Amino acid sequence: MRTITSPNAKLFLAVTGLFTIPQELQGFAADDVTDFADINSSEISMGVDGKLSAGFVHVPIVQGIALQADSDSNDLFDTWHASQQAAGELFVAYGILRLPSVEKSFAMTKGYLTGYKAAPDVKKTLQMRRYQITWQSVLAAPI
C-alpha cells in the first residue's frame, strides 16, 4: 500500500570525474529534502485568426536540494563547485531518487550544478544550504 511517508526516501548522486560511485546524500534539512520545478513542455501560440497551435519542446528539469549546515553531504557540493572553479569546466552528474512509500524510483540524467550556496547563513543556529541541479531528463520507474 502506498503512503506519503518521506523519511525513507534516498537520493544518490554521481559526478563524472569526481564521484564515479553514486553517493547517498544525508543530513537533509528539517521539512525539506528535495523539490522539482514544474515542467512546461508545450509551446502554445494563438494566431490572430483565433486558431490555436501547439507543439512539444524539450525543457530542462530543475531540482532543489536542501541540506542541514552540518551535513557531511555538503562536502560533495563543495568539492563539485571547487573542482569546476579550478578546471574552468563543468562536471556532469547523474542521480537516482528512491521513494519506497510510493513504490517509485526516478533516474536523473545529465545534470549540471546551477545553484550553489557557498556557506550557511549564520543566525541563532547555522541554516540549511540549498543547491540546484538542472537535469536533461528525470524518468520515473517502479521500484
Protein backbone atom coordinates (compact mmCIF):
# COMPACT_ATOMS: atom_id res chain seq x y z
CA MET A 1 0.00 0.00 0.00
CA ARG A 2 1.35 3.42 -0.94
CA THR A 3 1.77 6.17 1.66
CA ILE A 4 3.14 9.72 1.70
CA THR A 5 5.99 8.84 4.08
CA SER A 6 9.21 10.65 3.14
CA PRO A 7 11.88 9.77 5.78
CA ASN A 8 12.64 6.55 3.87
CA ALA A 9 13.50 8.48 0.67
CA LYS A 10 17.04 8.01 -0.66
CA LEU A 11 18.88 10.37 -3.01
CA PHE A 12 22.08 9.29 -4.75
CA LEU A 13 24.38 11.45 -6.88
CA ALA A 14 27.40 10.61 -9.03
CA VAL A 15 29.56 13.29 -10.64
CA THR A 16 31.67 12.23 -13.60
CA GLY A 17 35.38 12.56 -12.82
CA LEU A 18 34.77 13.29 -9.12
CA PHE A 19 32.35 10.82 -7.55
CA THR A 20 32.05 7.95 -10.02
CA ILE A 21 30.32 5.73 -7.45
CA PRO A 22 26.91 7.22 -6.55
CA GLN A 23 26.99 8.89 -3.14
CA GLU A 24 23.97 8.72 -0.86
CA LEU A 25 23.11 12.21 0.34
CA GLN A 26 22.26 12.51 4.02
CA GLY A 27 21.55 15.20 6.57
CA PHE A 28 18.62 16.82 4.81
CA ALA A 29 17.08 19.99 6.17
CA ALA A 30 14.10 19.81 8.51
CA ASP A 31 10.88 19.74 6.48
CA ASP A 32 12.79 19.97 3.20
CA VAL A 33 14.69 17.33 1.24
CA THR A 34 14.31 17.96 -2.46
CA ASP A 35 11.91 19.53 -4.90
CA PHE A 36 11.46 19.68 -8.65
CA ALA A 37 10.24 22.72 -10.57
CA ASP A 38 7.13 22.35 -12.70
CA ILE A 39 7.76 21.45 -16.33
CA ASN A 40 6.08 23.13 -19.27
CA SER A 41 6.98 21.14 -22.38
CA SER A 42 4.26 22.66 -24.55
CA GLU A 43 4.67 25.72 -26.71
CA ILE A 44 1.27 27.30 -27.34
CA SER A 45 0.52 30.12 -29.75
CA MET A 46 -2.78 31.68 -30.75
CA GLY A 47 -2.91 33.13 -34.26
CA VAL A 48 -4.61 36.44 -34.98
CA ASP A 49 -7.41 34.44 -36.62
CA GLY A 50 -8.11 32.64 -33.31
CA LYS A 51 -6.56 29.30 -34.35
CA LEU A 52 -4.60 27.68 -31.52
CA SER A 53 -1.35 25.93 -32.41
CA ALA A 54 0.77 23.81 -30.11
CA GLY A 55 4.00 21.90 -30.16
CA PHE A 56 6.19 19.83 -27.89
CA VAL A 57 9.51 21.30 -26.76
CA HIS A 58 12.28 19.76 -24.67
CA VAL A 59 12.92 21.63 -21.44
CA PRO A 60 15.44 21.18 -18.62
CA ILE A 61 14.22 19.99 -15.23
CA VAL A 62 15.39 21.91 -12.17
CA GLN A 63 15.86 20.12 -8.83
CA GLY A 64 16.46 21.82 -5.50
CA ILE A 65 18.24 20.04 -2.64
CA ALA A 66 18.35 21.30 0.97
CA LEU A 67 20.94 20.06 3.47
CA GLN A 68 21.46 20.89 7.13
CA ALA A 69 24.53 23.06 7.72
CA ASP A 70 26.29 20.15 9.47
CA SER A 71 25.53 17.54 6.79
CA ASP A 72 28.58 15.63 5.52
CA SER A 73 26.90 15.69 2.10
CA ASN A 74 27.71 19.41 1.81
CA ASP A 75 31.25 18.22 1.09
CA LEU A 76 30.10 16.68 -2.20
CA PHE A 77 28.73 20.02 -3.40
CA ASP A 78 31.77 21.94 -2.10
CA THR A 79 34.09 19.57 -3.98
CA TRP A 80 31.95 19.69 -7.12
CA HIS A 81 31.88 23.51 -7.13
CA ALA A 82 35.59 23.91 -6.28
CA SER A 83 36.60 21.40 -8.96
CA GLN A 84 34.62 23.31 -11.59
CA GLN A 85 36.22 26.57 -10.49
CA ALA A 86 39.71 25.05 -10.70
CA ALA A 87 39.14 23.31 -14.04
CA GLY A 88 37.13 26.08 -15.66
CA GLU A 89 34.83 23.31 -16.88
CA LEU A 90 31.53 21.79 -15.81
CA PHE A 91 31.24 18.29 -14.36
CA VAL A 92 28.17 16.22 -15.27
CA ALA A 93 26.05 14.49 -12.63
CA TYR A 94 23.70 11.51 -12.66
CA GLY A 95 21.27 10.68 -9.89
CA ILE A 96 18.63 8.37 -8.51
CA LEU A 97 15.79 9.31 -6.17
CA ARG A 98 14.13 6.32 -4.48
CA LEU A 99 10.72 6.77 -2.86
CA PRO A 100 9.73 3.40 -1.36
CA SER A 101 6.49 4.79 0.08
CA VAL A 102 5.09 5.34 -3.43
CA GLU A 103 6.98 2.41 -4.97
CA LYS A 104 8.84 4.69 -7.43
CA SER A 105 12.37 5.46 -8.41
CA PHE A 106 13.42 8.46 -10.52
CA ALA A 107 16.53 8.40 -12.71
CA MET A 108 18.08 11.80 -13.36
CA THR A 109 20.44 12.14 -16.32
CA LYS A 110 22.99 14.72 -17.42
CA GLY A 111 22.77 17.23 -14.61
CA TYR A 112 24.70 20.43 -14.01
CA LEU A 113 25.24 22.28 -10.75
CA THR A 114 23.35 25.51 -11.43
CA GLY A 115 22.84 26.73 -7.86
CA TYR A 116 25.41 26.62 -5.07
CA LYS A 117 25.20 28.05 -1.54
CA ALA A 118 28.83 28.80 -0.61
CA ALA A 119 28.23 28.87 3.15
CA PRO A 120 25.31 28.52 5.54
CA ASP A 121 23.54 31.62 6.78
CA VAL A 122 24.59 32.26 10.39
CA LYS A 123 21.65 33.01 12.67
CA LYS A 124 20.63 31.60 16.06
CA THR A 125 21.78 28.33 14.56
CA LEU A 126 23.51 27.65 11.25
CA GLN A 127 20.89 27.49 8.50
CA MET A 128 20.45 24.92 5.75
CA ARG A 129 22.36 25.13 2.50
CA ARG A 130 20.44 24.91 -0.80
CA TYR A 131 21.72 23.58 -4.08
CA GLN A 132 20.23 23.40 -7.55
CA ILE A 133 20.87 20.84 -10.28
CA THR A 134 19.44 21.24 -13.77
CA TRP A 135 18.78 17.87 -15.43
CA GLN A 136 18.30 16.87 -19.04
CA SER A 137 15.74 14.27 -18.02
CA VAL A 138 14.01 12.75 -15.00
CA LEU A 139 12.30 9.43 -15.67
CA ALA A 140 10.04 7.52 -13.27
CA ALA A 141 10.12 3.74 -12.89
CA PRO A 142 8.65 1.29 -10.40
CA ILE A 143 10.96 0.11 -7.60
